[in-house]
Amino acid sequence: MQCSVCNSEISYDDCQKNITVVTCDSGQTNCQQTEIQLEHKSKAKLILFSKGCLGSSVCETYRKEKIGECISSKQEGYTGTCTGKCCTEDNCNEGNLLASKASAFVMSVMVLLSGIVLTAIHFN
C-alpha cells in the first residue's frame, strides 16, 4: 500500500506543497487525511492538516470522528472540528478526501449555467 504523506500546522494547501508518497508499513492498509482545527478559551489554537498511512482499526474510529488527539484536547477545554477519512486504494489520499461534495456540486452547476448563458449570448 502506498499513500501520500504530509503534515502542516498552517493549511491543507501548505500540506499539499510538501507531499511525498511512501510505502506503508505492513498492517497499515489504509490511507488517511485528517483535519484538526481547535481553539481553547485561552485563545490557544491546535491546527493540524495531515495525510498518511493507518491501520484499519484506527480508520474505523476516524469514521466515527473519534480521533485520539481531538478527544484528549476537547477534554482539556478545546472546541472546534476534527475530521478524518480513510480510503483503501494505492495513493487514494492524493486529492482532498474531505472536500465537500456539496461544494463540488454547486461548482458543477455554476459551470453549466455559465455555458448556457454564454451560448445564449453568442446566438443573440
PDB file of N, CA and C in Angstrom:
ATOM      1  N   MET A   1       0.847  -1.176   0.000  1.00  0.00           N
ATOM      2  CA  MET A   1       0.000   0.000   0.000  1.00  0.00           C
ATOM      3  C   MET A   1       0.893   1.240   0.000  1.00  0.00           C
ATOM      4  N   GLN A   2       0.597   2.159  -0.890  1.00  0.00           N
ATOM      5  CA  GLN A   2       1.296   3.436  -0.927  1.00  0.00           C
ATOM      6  C   GLN A   2       0.302   4.555  -0.657  1.00  0.00           C
ATOM      7  N   CYS A   3       0.759   5.553   0.114  1.00  0.00           N
ATOM      8  CA  CYS A   3      -0.101   6.687   0.461  1.00  0.00           C
ATOM      9  C   CYS A   3       0.685   7.985   0.380  1.00  0.00           C
ATOM     10  N   SER A   4      -0.049   9.059   0.143  1.00  0.00           N
ATOM     11  CA  SER A   4       0.528  10.394   0.226  1.00  0.00           C
ATOM     12  C   SER A   4       0.700  10.740   1.701  1.00  0.00           C
ATOM     13  N   VAL A   5       1.806  11.415   2.019  1.00  0.00           N
ATOM     14  CA  VAL A   5       2.091  11.797   3.397  1.00  0.00           C
ATOM     15  C   VAL A   5       2.477  13.272   3.437  1.00  0.00           C
ATOM     16  N   CYS A   6       1.860  14.018   4.346  1.00  0.00           N
ATOM     17  CA  CYS A   6       2.245  15.407   4.591  1.00  0.00           C
ATOM     18  C   CYS A   6       1.666  15.832   5.929  1.00  0.00           C
ATOM     19  N   ASN A   7       2.230  16.896   6.485  1.00  0.00           N
ATOM     20  CA  ASN A   7       1.744  17.490   7.728  1.00  0.00           C
ATOM     21  C   ASN A   7       1.920  18.995   7.643  1.00  0.00           C
ATOM     22  N   SER A   8       0.948  19.722   8.165  1.00  0.00           N
ATOM     23  CA  SER A   8       1.066  21.176   8.223  1.00  0.00           C
ATOM     24  C   SER A   8       0.244  21.698   9.393  1.00  0.00           C
ATOM     25  N   GLU A   9       0.767  22.707  10.044  1.00  0.00           N
ATOM     26  CA  GLU A   9       0.018  23.401  11.086  1.00  0.00           C
ATOM     27  C   GLU A   9      -0.522  24.722  10.553  1.00  0.00           C
ATOM     28  N   ILE A  10      -0.496  24.868   9.203  1.00  0.00           N
ATOM     29  CA  ILE A  10      -0.946  26.111   8.568  1.00  0.00           C
ATOM     30  C   ILE A  10      -2.239  25.899   7.792  1.00  0.00           C
ATOM     31  N   SER A  11      -2.190  25.014   6.764  1.00  0.00           N
ATOM     32  CA  SER A  11      -3.360  24.824   5.910  1.00  0.00           C
ATOM     33  C   SER A  11      -3.242  23.525   5.121  1.00  0.00           C
ATOM     34  N   TYR A  12      -4.367  23.133   4.512  1.00  0.00           N
ATOM     35  CA  TYR A  12      -4.373  21.961   3.634  1.00  0.00           C
ATOM     36  C   TYR A  12      -3.432  22.195   2.458  1.00  0.00           C
ATOM     37  N   ASP A  13      -3.499  23.388   1.869  1.00  0.00           N
ATOM     38  CA  ASP A  13      -2.642  23.699   0.715  1.00  0.00           C
ATOM     39  C   ASP A  13      -1.169  23.632   1.082  1.00  0.00           C
ATOM     40  N   ASP A  14      -0.813  24.084   2.281  1.00  0.00           N
ATOM     41  CA  ASP A  14       0.570  24.007   2.730  1.00  0.00           C
ATOM     42  C   ASP A  14       0.997  22.545   2.868  1.00  0.00           C
ATOM     43  N   CYS A  15       0.125  21.711   3.361  1.00  0.00           N
ATOM     44  CA  CYS A  15       0.400  20.278   3.466  1.00  0.00           C
ATOM     45  C   CYS A  15       0.660  19.705   2.076  1.00  0.00           C
ATOM     46  N   GLN A  16      -0.186  20.053   1.122  1.00  0.00           N
ATOM     47  CA  GLN A  16      -0.054  19.541  -0.250  1.00  0.00           C
ATOM     48  C   GLN A  16       1.282  19.948  -0.891  1.00  0.00           C
ATOM     49  N   LYS A  17       1.817  21.115  -0.508  1.00  0.00           N
ATOM     50  CA  LYS A  17       3.085  21.577  -1.081  1.00  0.00           C
ATOM     51  C   LYS A  17       4.253  20.682  -0.691  1.00  0.00           C
ATOM     52  N   ASN A  18       4.120  19.989   0.442  1.00  0.00           N
ATOM     53  CA  ASN A  18       5.209  19.179   0.979  1.00  0.00           C
ATOM     54  C   ASN A  18       4.905  17.684   0.933  1.00  0.00           C
ATOM     55  N   ILE A  19       4.053  17.288   0.019  1.00  0.00           N
ATOM     56  CA  ILE A  19       3.578  15.899  -0.029  1.00  0.00           C
ATOM     57  C   ILE A  19       4.638  14.951  -0.607  1.00  0.00           C
ATOM     58  N   THR A  20       4.708  13.776  -0.035  1.00  0.00           N
ATOM     59  CA  THR A  20       5.543  12.703  -0.578  1.00  0.00           C
ATOM     60  C   THR A  20       4.689  11.442  -0.618  1.00  0.00           C
ATOM     61  N   VAL A  21       5.100  10.480  -1.402  1.00  0.00           N
ATOM     62  CA  VAL A  21       4.405   9.194  -1.458  1.00  0.00           C
ATOM     63  C   VAL A  21       5.312   8.159  -0.801  1.00  0.00           C
ATOM     64  N   VAL A  22       4.759   7.400   0.133  1.00  0.00           N
ATOM     65  CA  VAL A  22       5.539   6.398   0.857  1.00  0.00           C
ATOM     66  C   VAL A  22       4.876   5.030   0.743  1.00  0.00           C
ATOM     67  N   THR A  23       5.660   4.005   0.957  1.00  0.00           N
ATOM     68  CA  THR A  23       5.128   2.651   1.086  1.00  0.00           C
ATOM     69  C   THR A  23       4.816   2.440   2.558  1.00  0.00           C
ATOM     70  N   CYS A  24       3.591   2.077   2.857  1.00  0.00           N
ATOM     71  CA  CYS A  24       3.150   1.923   4.244  1.00  0.00           C
ATOM     72  C   CYS A  24       3.741   0.664   4.874  1.00  0.00           C
ATOM     73  N   ASP A  25       3.857   0.685   6.193  1.00  0.00           N
ATOM     74  CA  ASP A  25       4.296  -0.496   6.936  1.00  0.00           C
ATOM     75  C   ASP A  25       3.243  -1.589   6.824  1.00  0.00           C
ATOM     76  N   SER A  26       3.648  -2.833   7.014  1.00  0.00           N
ATOM     77  CA  SER A  26       2.671  -3.925   6.982  1.00  0.00           C
ATOM     78  C   SER A  26       1.665  -3.688   8.104  1.00  0.00           C
ATOM     79  N   GLY A  27       0.426  -3.981   7.846  1.00  0.00           N
ATOM     80  CA  GLY A  27      -0.634  -3.727   8.813  1.00  0.00           C
ATOM     81  C   GLY A  27      -1.305  -2.372   8.608  1.00  0.00           C
ATOM     82  N   GLN A  28      -0.660  -1.493   7.876  1.00  0.00           N
ATOM     83  CA  GLN A  28      -1.267  -0.207   7.550  1.00  0.00           C
ATOM     84  C   GLN A  28      -1.873  -0.344   6.160  1.00  0.00           C
ATOM     85  N   THR A  29      -3.150  -0.663   6.133  1.00  0.00           N
ATOM     86  CA  THR A  29      -3.832  -0.990   4.880  1.00  0.00           C
ATOM     87  C   THR A  29      -4.739   0.128   4.384  1.00  0.00           C
ATOM     88  N   ASN A  30      -4.630   1.309   4.991  1.00  0.00           N
ATOM     89  CA  ASN A  30      -5.463   2.447   4.620  1.00  0.00           C
ATOM     90  C   ASN A  30      -4.615   3.705   4.493  1.00  0.00           C
ATOM     91  N   CYS A  31      -5.031   4.572   3.581  1.00  0.00           N
ATOM     92  CA  CYS A  31      -4.500   5.927   3.521  1.00  0.00           C
ATOM     93  C   CYS A  31      -5.506   6.811   4.256  1.00  0.00           C
ATOM     94  N   GLN A  32      -5.022   7.912   4.820  1.00  0.00           N
ATOM     95  CA  GLN A  32      -5.917   8.781   5.581  1.00  0.00           C
ATOM     96  C   GLN A  32      -5.623  10.241   5.325  1.00  0.00           C
ATOM     97  N   GLN A  33      -6.620  11.057   5.648  1.00  0.00           N
ATOM     98  CA  GLN A  33      -6.471  12.507   5.685  1.00  0.00           C
ATOM     99  C   GLN A  33      -7.176  12.993   6.934  1.00  0.00           C
ATOM    100  N   THR A  34      -6.522  13.879   7.667  1.00  0.00           N
ATOM    101  CA  THR A  34      -7.074  14.402   8.913  1.00  0.00           C
ATOM    102  C   THR A  34      -6.987  15.919   8.924  1.00  0.00           C
ATOM    103  N   GLU A  35      -8.025  16.549   9.418  1.00  0.00           N
ATOM    104  CA  GLU A  35      -8.015  17.990   9.660  1.00  0.00           C
ATOM    105  C   GLU A  35      -8.473  18.228  11.087  1.00  0.00           C
ATOM    106  N   ILE A  36      -7.626  18.897  11.853  1.00  0.00           N
ATOM    107  CA  ILE A  36      -7.946  19.253  13.233  1.00  0.00           C
ATOM    108  C   ILE A  36      -7.851  20.767  13.345  1.00  0.00           C
ATOM    109  N   GLN A  37      -8.941  21.401  13.749  1.00  0.00           N
ATOM    110  CA  GLN A  37      -8.956  22.847  13.935  1.00  0.00           C
ATOM    111  C   GLN A  37      -9.682  23.143  15.247  1.00  0.00           C
ATOM    112  N   LEU A  38      -8.891  23.300  16.292  1.00  0.00           N
ATOM    113  CA  LEU A  38      -9.429  23.502  17.627  1.00  0.00           C
ATOM    114  C   LEU A  38      -8.909  24.809  18.220  1.00  0.00           C
ATOM    115  N   GLU A  39      -9.716  25.390  19.107  1.00  0.00           N
ATOM    116  CA  GLU A  39      -9.294  26.598  19.809  1.00  0.00           C
ATOM    117  C   GLU A  39      -9.706  26.482  21.267  1.00  0.00           C
ATOM    118  N   HIS A  40      -8.850  26.949  22.148  1.00  0.00           N
ATOM    119  CA  HIS A  40      -9.103  26.945  23.589  1.00  0.00           C
ATOM    120  C   HIS A  40      -9.617  28.322  23.995  1.00  0.00           C
ATOM    121  N   LYS A  41     -10.364  28.395  25.076  1.00  0.00           N
ATOM    122  CA  LYS A  41     -10.864  29.695  25.527  1.00  0.00           C
ATOM    123  C   LYS A  41      -9.723  30.658  25.851  1.00  0.00           C
ATOM    124  N   SER A  42      -8.522  30.126  26.087  1.00  0.00           N
ATOM    125  CA  SER A  42      -7.348  30.967  26.327  1.00  0.00           C
ATOM    126  C   SER A  42      -6.777  31.505  25.015  1.00  0.00           C
ATOM    127  N   LYS A  43      -7.443  31.202  23.908  1.00  0.00           N
ATOM    128  CA  LYS A  43      -7.055  31.589  22.538  1.00  0.00           C
ATOM    129  C   LYS A  43      -5.931  30.732  21.958  1.00  0.00           C
ATOM    130  N   ALA A  44      -5.490  29.730  22.689  1.00  0.00           N
ATOM    131  CA  ALA A  44      -4.509  28.795  22.129  1.00  0.00           C
ATOM    132  C   ALA A  44      -5.187  28.001  21.019  1.00  0.00           C
ATOM    133  N   LYS A  45      -4.456  27.756  19.939  1.00  0.00           N
ATOM    134  CA  LYS A  45      -5.027  27.025  18.814  1.00  0.00           C
ATOM    135  C   LYS A  45      -4.257  25.736  18.574  1.00  0.00           C
ATOM    136  N   LEU A  46      -4.991  24.726  18.134  1.00  0.00           N
ATOM    137  CA  LEU A  46      -4.397  23.461  17.734  1.00  0.00           C
ATOM    138  C   LEU A  46      -4.893  23.198  16.313  1.00  0.00           C
ATOM    139  N   ILE A  47      -3.986  23.336  15.349  1.00  0.00           N
ATOM    140  CA  ILE A  47      -4.348  23.172  13.940  1.00  0.00           C
ATOM    141  C   ILE A  47      -3.415  22.142  13.330  1.00  0.00           C
ATOM    142  N   LEU A  48      -3.988  21.155  12.663  1.00  0.00           N
ATOM    143  CA  LEU A  48      -3.175  20.133  12.006  1.00  0.00           C
ATOM    144  C   LEU A  48      -3.896  19.614  10.769  1.00  0.00           C
ATOM    145  N   PHE A  49      -3.198  19.626   9.665  1.00  0.00           N
ATOM    146  CA  PHE A  49      -3.655  19.014   8.423  1.00  0.00           C
ATOM    147  C   PHE A  49      -2.660  17.916   8.126  1.00  0.00           C
ATOM    148  N   SER A  50      -3.126  16.681   7.971  1.00  0.00           N
ATOM    149  CA  SER A  50      -2.176  15.598   7.727  1.00  0.00           C
ATOM    150  C   SER A  50      -2.746  14.525   6.814  1.00  0.00           C
ATOM    151  N   LYS A  51      -1.818  13.821   6.184  1.00  0.00           N
ATOM    152  CA  LYS A  51      -2.128  12.652   5.356  1.00  0.00           C
ATOM    153  C   LYS A  51      -1.099  11.595   5.686  1.00  0.00           C
ATOM    154  N   GLY A  52      -1.480  10.323   5.536  1.00  0.00           N
ATOM    155  CA  GLY A  52      -0.531   9.262   5.803  1.00  0.00           C
ATOM    156  C   GLY A  52      -1.165   7.890   5.730  1.00  0.00           C
ATOM    157  N   CYS A  53      -0.488   6.929   6.352  1.00  0.00           N
ATOM    158  CA  CYS A  53      -0.918   5.533   6.396  1.00  0.00           C
ATOM    159  C   CYS A  53      -1.542   5.242   7.760  1.00  0.00           C
ATOM    160  N   LEU A  54      -2.536   4.370   7.790  1.00  0.00           N
ATOM    161  CA  LEU A  54      -3.154   3.951   9.052  1.00  0.00           C
ATOM    162  C   LEU A  54      -3.620   2.507   8.950  1.00  0.00           C
ATOM    163  N   GLY A  55      -3.720   1.862  10.094  1.00  0.00           N
ATOM    164  CA  GLY A  55      -4.316   0.534  10.165  1.00  0.00           C
ATOM    165  C   GLY A  55      -5.824   0.628  10.106  1.00  0.00           C
ATOM    166  N   SER A  56      -6.483  -0.455   9.738  1.00  0.00           N
ATOM    167  CA  SER A  56      -7.938  -0.416   9.557  1.00  0.00           C
ATOM    168  C   SER A  56      -8.693  -0.173  10.856  1.00  0.00           C
ATOM    169  N   SER A  57      -8.197  -0.630  11.997  1.00  0.00           N
ATOM    170  CA  SER A  57      -8.903  -0.399  13.264  1.00  0.00           C
ATOM    171  C   SER A  57      -8.906   1.083  13.625  1.00  0.00           C
ATOM    172  N   VAL A  58      -7.808   1.788  13.349  1.00  0.00           N
ATOM    173  CA  VAL A  58      -7.755   3.224  13.612  1.00  0.00           C
ATOM    174  C   VAL A  58      -8.699   3.954  12.657  1.00  0.00           C
ATOM    175  N   CYS A  59      -8.762   3.502  11.422  1.00  0.00           N
ATOM    176  CA  CYS A  59      -9.658   4.128  10.449  1.00  0.00           C
ATOM    177  C   CYS A  59     -11.114   3.995  10.866  1.00  0.00           C
ATOM    178  N   GLU A  60     -11.455   2.911  11.497  1.00  0.00           N
ATOM    179  CA  GLU A  60     -12.830   2.736  11.970  1.00  0.00           C
ATOM    180  C   GLU A  60     -13.174   3.829  12.984  1.00  0.00           C
ATOM    181  N   THR A  61     -12.242   4.173  13.865  1.00  0.00           N
ATOM    182  CA  THR A  61     -12.504   5.247  14.828  1.00  0.00           C
ATOM    183  C   THR A  61     -12.553   6.603  14.131  1.00  0.00           C
ATOM    184  N   TYR A  62     -11.746   6.790  13.079  1.00  0.00           N
ATOM    185  CA  TYR A  62     -11.787   8.033  12.303  1.00  0.00           C
ATOM    186  C   TYR A  62     -13.160   8.231  11.677  1.00  0.00           C
ATOM    187  N   ARG A  63     -13.743   7.143  11.163  1.00  0.00           N
ATOM    188  CA  ARG A  63     -15.071   7.238  10.553  1.00  0.00           C
ATOM    189  C   ARG A  63     -16.103   7.731  11.568  1.00  0.00           C
ATOM    190  N   LYS A  64     -15.868   7.430  12.829  1.00  0.00           N
ATOM    191  CA  LYS A  64     -16.775   7.863  13.899  1.00  0.00           C
ATOM    192  C   LYS A  64     -16.342   9.207  14.481  1.00  0.00           C
ATOM    193  N   GLU A  65     -15.360   9.842  13.844  1.00  0.00           N
ATOM    194  CA  GLU A  65     -14.799  11.127  14.276  1.00  0.00           C
ATOM    195  C   GLU A  65     -14.301  11.064  15.707  1.00  0.00           C
ATOM    196  N   LYS A  66     -13.696   9.941  16.069  1.00  0.00           N
ATOM    197  CA  LYS A  66     -13.106   9.760  17.391  1.00  0.00           C
ATOM    198  C   LYS A  66     -11.582   9.714  17.255  1.00  0.00           C
ATOM    199  N   ILE A  67     -11.016  10.835  16.844  1.00  0.00           N
ATOM    200  CA  ILE A  67      -9.585  10.966  16.638  1.00  0.00           C
ATOM    201  C   ILE A  67      -8.950  11.242  18.002  1.00  0.00           C
ATOM    202  N   GLY A  68      -8.010  10.397  18.398  1.00  0.00           N
ATOM    203  CA  GLY A  68      -7.424  10.444  19.736  1.00  0.00           C
ATOM    204  C   GLY A  68      -7.009  11.817  20.210  1.00  0.00           C
ATOM    205  N   GLU A  69      -6.247  12.534  19.402  1.00  0.00           N
ATOM    206  CA  GLU A  69      -5.764  13.856  19.791  1.00  0.00           C
ATOM    207  C   GLU A  69      -6.923  14.818  20.032  1.00  0.00           C
ATOM    208  N   CYS A  70      -7.993  14.666  19.283  1.00  0.00           N
ATOM    209  CA  CYS A  70      -9.156  15.537  19.441  1.00  0.00           C
ATOM    210  C   CYS A  70      -9.901  15.239  20.734  1.00  0.00           C
ATOM    211  N   ILE A  71     -10.042  13.976  21.037  1.00  0.00           N
ATOM    212  CA  ILE A  71     -10.761  13.603  22.259  1.00  0.00           C
ATOM    213  C   ILE A  71     -10.054  14.182  23.475  1.00  0.00           C
ATOM    214  N   SER A  72      -8.725  13.983  23.558  1.00  0.00           N
ATOM    215  CA  SER A  72      -7.991  14.496  24.721  1.00  0.00           C
ATOM    216  C   SER A  72      -7.979  16.018  24.754  1.00  0.00           C
ATOM    217  N   SER A  73      -7.858  16.673  23.602  1.00  0.00           N
ATOM    218  CA  SER A  73      -7.855  18.138  23.560  1.00  0.00           C
ATOM    219  C   SER A  73      -9.208  18.702  23.973  1.00  0.00           C
ATOM    220  N   LYS A  74     -10.286  18.078  23.521  1.00  0.00           N
ATOM    221  CA  LYS A  74     -11.624  18.554  23.891  1.00  0.00           C
ATOM    222  C   LYS A  74     -11.867  18.369  25.387  1.00  0.00           C
ATOM    223  N   GLN A  75     -11.288  17.320  25.980  1.00  0.00           N
ATOM    224  CA  GLN A  75     -11.403  17.131  27.421  1.00  0.00           C
ATOM    225  C   GLN A  75     -10.652  18.226  28.181  1.00  0.00           C
ATOM    226  N   GLU A  76      -9.665  18.846  27.514  1.00  0.00           N
ATOM    227  CA  GLU A  76      -8.896  19.936  28.127  1.00  0.00           C
ATOM    228  C   GLU A  76      -9.526  21.305  27.860  1.00  0.00           C
ATOM    229  N   GLY A  77     -10.707  21.329  27.237  1.00  0.00           N
ATOM    230  CA  GLY A  77     -11.427  22.580  27.034  1.00  0.00           C
ATOM    231  C   GLY A  77     -11.362  23.157  25.632  1.00  0.00           C
ATOM    232  N   TYR A  78     -10.739  22.460  24.697  1.00  0.00           N
ATOM    233  CA  TYR A  78     -10.702  22.938  23.309  1.00  0.00           C
ATOM    234  C   TYR A  78     -12.052  22.680  22.645  1.00  0.00           C
ATOM    235  N   THR A  79     -12.416  23.552  21.702  1.00  0.00           N
ATOM    236  CA  THR A  79     -13.621  23.349  20.904  1.00  0.00           C
ATOM    237  C   THR A  79     -13.246  23.522  19.438  1.00  0.00           C
ATOM    238  N   GLY A  80     -14.036  22.959  18.558  1.00  0.00           N
ATOM    239  CA  GLY A  80     -13.778  23.075  17.129  1.00  0.00           C
ATOM    240  C   GLY A  80     -14.090  21.783  16.412  1.00  0.00           C
ATOM    241  N   THR A  81     -13.420  21.579  15.291  1.00  0.00           N
ATOM    242  CA  THR A  81     -13.720  20.416  14.459  1.00  0.00           C
ATOM    243  C   THR A  81     -12.515  19.511  14.286  1.00  0.00           C
ATOM    244  N   CYS A  82     -12.802  18.247  14.225  1.00  0.00           N
ATOM    245  CA  CYS A  82     -11.823  17.205  13.948  1.00  0.00           C
ATOM    246  C   CYS A  82     -12.459  16.260  12.935  1.00  0.00           C
ATOM    247  N   THR A  83     -11.834  16.134  11.794  1.00  0.00           N
ATOM    248  CA  THR A  83     -12.397  15.306  10.746  1.00  0.00           C
ATOM    249  C   THR A  83     -11.313  14.407  10.187  1.00  0.00           C
ATOM    250  N   GLY A  84     -11.669  13.168   9.951  1.00  0.00           N
ATOM    251  CA  GLY A  84     -10.733  12.238   9.339  1.00  0.00           C
ATOM    252  C   GLY A  84     -11.458  11.302   8.400  1.00  0.00           C
ATOM    253  N   LYS A  85     -10.748  10.867   7.388  1.00  0.00           N
ATOM    254  CA  LYS A  85     -11.344   9.935   6.433  1.00  0.00           C
ATOM    255  C   LYS A  85     -10.237   9.028   5.903  1.00  0.00           C
ATOM    256  N   CYS A  86     -10.586   7.783   5.666  1.00  0.00           N
ATOM    257  CA  CYS A  86      -9.650   6.796   5.143  1.00  0.00           C
ATOM    258  C   CYS A  86     -10.130   6.250   3.807  1.00  0.00           C
ATOM    259  N   CYS A  87      -9.181   5.679   3.070  1.00  0.00           N
ATOM    260  CA  CYS A  87      -9.505   5.006   1.806  1.00  0.00           C
ATOM    261  C   CYS A  87      -8.534   3.838   1.644  1.00  0.00           C
ATOM    262  N   THR A  88      -8.834   2.931   0.731  1.00  0.00           N
ATOM    263  CA  THR A  88      -8.083   1.668   0.689  1.00  0.00           C
ATOM    264  C   THR A  88      -7.381   1.361  -0.626  1.00  0.00           C
ATOM    265  N   GLU A  89      -7.286   2.313  -1.522  1.00  0.00           N
ATOM    266  CA  GLU A  89      -6.571   2.111  -2.790  1.00  0.00           C
ATOM    267  C   GLU A  89      -5.196   2.770  -2.702  1.00  0.00           C
ATOM    268  N   ASP A  90      -4.248   2.319  -3.515  1.00  0.00           N
ATOM    269  CA  ASP A  90      -2.939   2.956  -3.543  1.00  0.00           C
ATOM    270  C   ASP A  90      -3.055   4.451  -3.814  1.00  0.00           C
ATOM    271  N   ASN A  91      -2.432   5.232  -2.963  1.00  0.00           N
ATOM    272  CA  ASN A  91      -2.357   6.692  -3.068  1.00  0.00           C
ATOM    273  C   ASN A  91      -3.723   7.365  -3.246  1.00  0.00           C
ATOM    274  N   CYS A  92      -4.745   6.770  -2.656  1.00  0.00           N
ATOM    275  CA  CYS A  92      -6.102   7.299  -2.785  1.00  0.00           C
ATOM    276  C   CYS A  92      -6.309   8.603  -2.021  1.00  0.00           C
ATOM    277  N   ASN A  93      -5.356   8.974  -1.179  1.00  0.00           N
ATOM    278  CA  ASN A  93      -5.469  10.232  -0.440  1.00  0.00           C
ATOM    279  C   ASN A  93      -4.668  11.361  -1.098  1.00  0.00           C
ATOM    280  N   GLU A  94      -4.314  11.166  -2.356  1.00  0.00           N
ATOM    281  CA  GLU A  94      -3.566  12.189  -3.092  1.00  0.00           C
ATOM    282  C   GLU A  94      -4.369  13.489  -3.183  1.00  0.00           C
ATOM    283  N   GLY A  95      -5.655  13.381  -3.485  1.00  0.00           N
ATOM    284  CA  GLY A  95      -6.531  14.554  -3.540  1.00  0.00           C
ATOM    285  C   GLY A  95      -7.108  14.843  -2.172  1.00  0.00           C
ATOM    286  N   ASN A  96      -8.098  15.716  -2.116  1.00  0.00           N
ATOM    287  CA  ASN A  96      -8.711  16.108  -0.855  1.00  0.00           C
ATOM    288  C   ASN A  96      -9.878  15.181  -0.524  1.00  0.00           C
ATOM    289  N   LEU A  97      -9.643  14.242   0.380  1.00  0.00           N
ATOM    290  CA  LEU A  97     -10.693  13.293   0.786  1.00  0.00           C
ATOM    291  C   LEU A  97     -11.826  13.985   1.533  1.00  0.00           C
ATOM    292  N   LEU A  98     -11.533  15.136   2.120  1.00  0.00           N
ATOM    293  CA  LEU A  98     -12.523  15.809   2.952  1.00  0.00           C
ATOM    294  C   LEU A  98     -13.237  16.948   2.240  1.00  0.00           C
ATOM    295  N   ALA A  99     -12.994  17.105   0.948  1.00  0.00           N
ATOM    296  CA  ALA A  99     -13.665  18.167   0.185  1.00  0.00           C
ATOM    297  C   ALA A  99     -15.164  17.930   0.217  1.00  0.00           C
ATOM    298  N   SER A 100     -15.892  18.991   0.371  1.00  0.00           N
ATOM    299  CA  SER A 100     -17.339  18.905   0.439  1.00  0.00           C
ATOM    300  C   SER A 100     -17.913  18.508  -0.913  1.00  0.00           C
ATOM    301  N   LYS A 101     -18.707  17.471  -0.925  1.00  0.00           N
ATOM    302  CA  LYS A 101     -19.370  17.059  -2.156  1.00  0.00           C
ATOM    303  C   LYS A 101     -20.386  18.115  -2.588  1.00  0.00           C
ATOM    304  N   ALA A 102     -20.966  18.817  -1.611  1.00  0.00           N
ATOM    305  CA  ALA A 102     -21.950  19.864  -1.930  1.00  0.00           C
ATOM    306  C   ALA A 102     -21.284  20.994  -2.693  1.00  0.00           C
ATOM    307  N   SER A 103     -20.077  21.394  -2.274  1.00  0.00           N
ATOM    308  CA  SER A 103     -19.419  22.494  -2.975  1.00  0.00           C
ATOM    309  C   SER A 103     -19.016  22.070  -4.385  1.00  0.00           C
ATOM    310  N   ALA A 104     -18.653  20.822  -4.571  1.00  0.00           N
ATOM    311  CA  ALA A 104     -18.329  20.327  -5.912  1.00  0.00           C
ATOM    312  C   ALA A 104     -19.579  20.353  -6.795  1.00  0.00           C
ATOM    313  N   PHE A 105     -20.728  20.007  -6.232  1.00  0.00           N
ATOM    314  CA  PHE A 105     -21.983  20.035  -6.976  1.00  0.00           C
ATOM    315  C   PHE A 105     -22.328  21.467  -7.371  1.00  0.00           C
ATOM    316  N   VAL A 106     -22.214  22.393  -6.431  1.00  0.00           N
ATOM    317  CA  VAL A 106     -22.527  23.793  -6.708  1.00  0.00           C
ATOM    318  C   VAL A 106     -21.618  24.320  -7.810  1.00  0.00           C
ATOM    319  N   MET A 107     -20.339  23.979  -7.739  1.00  0.00           N
ATOM    320  CA  MET A 107     -19.393  24.431  -8.762  1.00  0.00           C
ATOM    321  C   MET A 107     -19.784  23.863 -10.132  1.00  0.00           C
ATOM    322  N   SER A 108     -20.186  22.606 -10.184  1.00  0.00           N
ATOM    323  CA  SER A 108     -20.606  21.998 -11.448  1.00  0.00           C
ATOM    324  C   SER A 108     -21.823  22.713 -12.036  1.00  0.00           C
ATOM    325  N   VAL A 109     -22.783  23.055 -11.193  1.00  0.00           N
ATOM    326  CA  VAL A 109     -23.979  23.765 -11.641  1.00  0.00           C
ATOM    327  C   VAL A 109     -23.602  25.151 -12.158  1.00  0.00           C
ATOM    328  N   MET A 110     -22.681  25.830 -11.464  1.00  0.00           N
ATOM    329  CA  MET A 110     -22.249  27.167 -11.901  1.00  0.00           C
ATOM    330  C   MET A 110     -21.588  27.107 -13.278  1.00  0.00           C
ATOM    331  N   VAL A 111     -20.756  26.112 -13.510  1.00  0.00           N
ATOM    332  CA  VAL A 111     -20.092  25.964 -14.808  1.00  0.00           C
ATOM    333  C   VAL A 111     -21.131  25.694 -15.888  1.00  0.00           C
ATOM    334  N   LEU A 112     -22.090  24.825 -15.604  1.00  0.00           N
ATOM    335  CA  LEU A 112     -23.145  24.517 -16.562  1.00  0.00           C
ATOM    336  C   LEU A 112     -23.957  25.768 -16.903  1.00  0.00           C
ATOM    337  N   LEU A 113     -24.355  26.521 -15.886  1.00  0.00           N
ATOM    338  CA  LEU A 113     -25.132  27.740 -16.122  1.00  0.00           C
ATOM    339  C   LEU A 113     -24.329  28.778 -16.900  1.00  0.00           C
ATOM    340  N   SER A 114     -23.044  28.892 -16.603  1.00  0.00           N
ATOM    341  CA  SER A 114     -22.187  29.823 -17.347  1.00  0.00           C
ATOM    342  C   SER A 114     -22.156  29.461 -18.826  1.00  0.00           C
ATOM    343  N   GLY A 115     -22.067  28.169 -19.114  1.00  0.00           N
ATOM    344  CA  GLY A 115     -22.063  27.707 -20.502  1.00  0.00           C
ATOM    345  C   GLY A 115     -23.365  28.033 -21.211  1.00  0.00           C
ATOM    346  N   ILE A 116     -24.471  27.875 -20.518  1.00  0.00           N
ATOM    347  CA  ILE A 116     -25.783  28.169 -21.106  1.00  0.00           C
ATOM    348  C   ILE A 116     -25.902  29.664 -21.402  1.00  0.00           C
ATOM    349  N   VAL A 117     -25.471  30.499 -20.450  1.00  0.00           N
ATOM    350  CA  VAL A 117     -25.540  31.951 -20.641  1.00  0.00           C
ATOM    351  C   VAL A 117     -24.659  32.375 -21.808  1.00  0.00           C
ATOM    352  N   LEU A 118     -23.436  31.873 -21.859  1.00  0.00           N
ATOM    353  CA  LEU A 118     -22.530  32.226 -22.956  1.00  0.00           C
ATOM    354  C   LEU A 118     -23.079  31.790 -24.314  1.00  0.00           C
ATOM    355  N   THR A 119     -23.703  30.621 -24.352  1.00  0.00           N
ATOM    356  CA  THR A 119     -24.306  30.133 -25.585  1.00  0.00           C
ATOM    357  C   THR A 119     -25.461  31.036 -26.000  1.00  0.00           C
ATOM    358  N   ALA A 120     -26.303  31.426 -25.047  1.00  0.00           N
ATOM    359  CA  ALA A 120     -27.439  32.314 -25.342  1.00  0.00           C
ATOM    360  C   ALA A 120     -26.962  33.661 -25.869  1.00  0.00           C
ATOM    361  N   ILE A 121     -25.905  34.199 -25.263  1.00  0.00           N
ATOM    362  CA  ILE A 121     -25.352  35.483 -25.714  1.00  0.00           C
ATOM    363  C   ILE A 121     -24.780  35.358 -27.111  1.00  0.00           C
ATOM    364  N   HIS A 122     -24.107  34.256 -27.376  1.00  0.00           N
ATOM    365  CA  HIS A 122     -23.480  34.040 -28.686  1.00  0.00           C
ATOM    366  C   HIS A 122     -24.514  33.969 -29.802  1.00  0.00           C
ATOM    367  N   PHE A 123     -25.657  33.369 -29.555  1.00  0.00           N
ATOM    368  CA  PHE A 123     -26.659  33.215 -30.587  1.00  0.00           C
ATOM    369  C   PHE A 123     -27.594  34.409 -30.710  1.00  0.00           C
ATOM    370  N   ASN A 124     -27.495  35.383 -29.844  1.00  0.00           N
ATOM    371  CA  ASN A 124     -28.364  36.584 -29.926  1.00  0.00           C
ATOM    372  C   ASN A 124     -27.689  37.690 -30.636  1.00  0.00           C
TER     373      ASN A 124
END
